[in-house]
Amino acid sequence: FPAEMMEISRLIREQKLYMKMDEKIMARIQLGQNKVGNRIAISIILAALIIGSSVLIIAKTPPVIVGTSLIGWTGYVLSVIMGAWLAWSIIKKD
């Protein structure tokens, strides 16, 4: 294995190493990366929304209904809707 790595790095240095890439395969890889990136972004937004809603509820930010923040509960509801949509899209497409 080390000898093979030395050979590969020698070929790279001498610019004699070539890679053939198929456009169809690259398109599939890029599509997969886009899916993963979008899911991570939505997950981070969901986490921030849940944490922010929790802070609003604990702080009892007005308007307060039945002792809890209405804005905080709205954030929770949006989190549930977005989380369900994310889960559905993952299950449906994979």
Protein backbone atom coordinates (compact mmCIF):
# COMPACT_ATOMS: atom_id res chain seq x y z
CA PHE A 1 0.00 0.00 0.00
CA PRO A 2 2.70 2.60 0.80
CA ALA A 3 4.56 1.72 -2.40
CA GLU A 4 1.37 2.21 -4.40
CA MET A 5 0.80 5.60 -2.79
CA MET A 6 4.34 6.62 -3.65
CA GLU A 7 3.73 5.56 -7.25
CA ILE A 8 0.48 7.54 -7.40
CA SER A 9 2.11 10.66 -5.99
CA ARG A 10 4.98 10.30 -8.48
CA LEU A 11 2.48 10.11 -11.35
CA ILE A 12 0.70 13.19 -10.04
CA ARG A 13 3.96 15.13 -9.77
CA GLU A 14 4.90 14.16 -13.31
CA GLN A 15 1.37 15.00 -14.50
CA LYS A 16 0.92 11.54 -15.94
CA LEU A 17 -2.14 10.58 -13.91
CA TYR A 18 -5.44 10.91 -15.77
CA MET A 19 -8.99 10.37 -14.59
CA LYS A 20 -11.90 9.66 -16.85
CA MET A 21 -15.21 10.96 -15.52
CA ASP A 22 -18.60 10.23 -16.96
CA GLU A 23 -21.02 13.16 -17.05
CA LYS A 24 -23.99 11.02 -16.03
CA ILE A 25 -22.23 9.71 -12.95
CA MET A 26 -21.06 13.20 -11.99
CA ALA A 27 -24.63 14.51 -12.37
CA ARG A 28 -25.91 11.79 -10.03
CA ILE A 29 -23.22 12.57 -7.49
CA GLN A 30 -24.03 16.27 -7.64
CA LEU A 31 -27.74 15.58 -7.21
CA GLY A 32 -27.01 13.47 -4.14
CA GLN A 33 -24.83 16.20 -2.67
CA ASN A 34 -27.54 18.78 -3.27
CA LYS A 35 -30.09 16.61 -1.45
CA VAL A 36 -27.79 16.15 1.52
CA GLY A 37 -26.96 19.86 1.65
CA ASN A 38 -30.62 20.86 1.54
CA ARG A 39 -31.53 18.42 4.29
CA ILE A 40 -28.73 19.64 6.52
CA ALA A 41 -29.76 23.27 5.95
CA ILE A 42 -33.39 22.53 6.80
CA SER A 43 -32.33 20.57 9.89
CA ILE A 44 -30.23 23.49 11.15
CA ILE A 45 -33.12 25.90 10.57
CA LEU A 46 -35.46 23.53 12.44
CA ALA A 47 -33.06 23.28 15.38
CA ALA A 48 -32.75 27.07 15.55
CA LEU A 49 -36.53 27.47 15.39
CA ILE A 50 -37.07 24.97 18.20
CA ILE A 51 -34.42 26.57 20.41
CA GLY A 52 -35.72 30.07 19.70
CA SER A 53 -39.30 29.03 20.43
CA SER A 54 -38.20 27.45 23.71
CA VAL A 55 -36.48 30.67 24.77
CA LEU A 56 -39.60 32.68 23.89
CA ILE A 57 -41.82 30.35 25.91
CA ILE A 58 -39.53 30.37 28.95
CA ALA A 59 -39.24 34.19 28.81
CA LYS A 60 -43.04 34.47 28.44
CA THR A 61 -42.66 36.93 25.58
CA PRO A 62 -45.93 38.74 24.83
CA PRO A 63 -48.53 38.00 23.64
CA VAL A 64 -49.04 35.52 26.48
CA ILE A 65 -52.01 33.16 26.40
CA VAL A 66 -52.65 30.66 29.21
CA GLY A 67 -49.26 31.53 30.72
CA THR A 68 -47.15 30.77 27.63
CA SER A 69 -45.92 32.82 24.70
CA LEU A 70 -48.10 32.63 21.61
CA ILE A 71 -45.11 33.40 19.38
CA GLY A 72 -43.17 30.52 20.98
CA TRP A 73 -46.00 28.06 20.32
CA THR A 74 -46.26 29.33 16.75
CA GLY A 75 -42.58 28.48 16.34
CA TYR A 76 -43.21 24.98 17.68
CA VAL A 77 -46.08 24.46 15.25
CA LEU A 78 -43.93 25.64 12.33
CA SER A 79 -41.17 23.28 13.50
CA VAL A 80 -43.55 20.33 13.52
CA ILE A 81 -44.82 21.18 10.04
CA MET A 82 -41.31 21.64 8.62
CA GLY A 83 -40.05 18.50 10.37
CA ALA A 84 -42.94 16.45 9.02
CA TRP A 85 -42.32 17.82 5.53
CA LEU A 86 -38.61 16.97 5.78
CA ALA A 87 -39.33 13.45 7.03
CA TRP A 88 -41.92 12.91 4.29
CA SER A 89 -39.55 14.10 1.57
CA ILE A 90 -36.81 11.80 2.85
CA ILE A 91 -39.11 8.77 3.02
CA LYS A 92 -40.79 9.53 -0.31
CA LYS A 93 -37.61 10.09 -2.36
CA ASP A 94 -35.27 7.53 -0.78
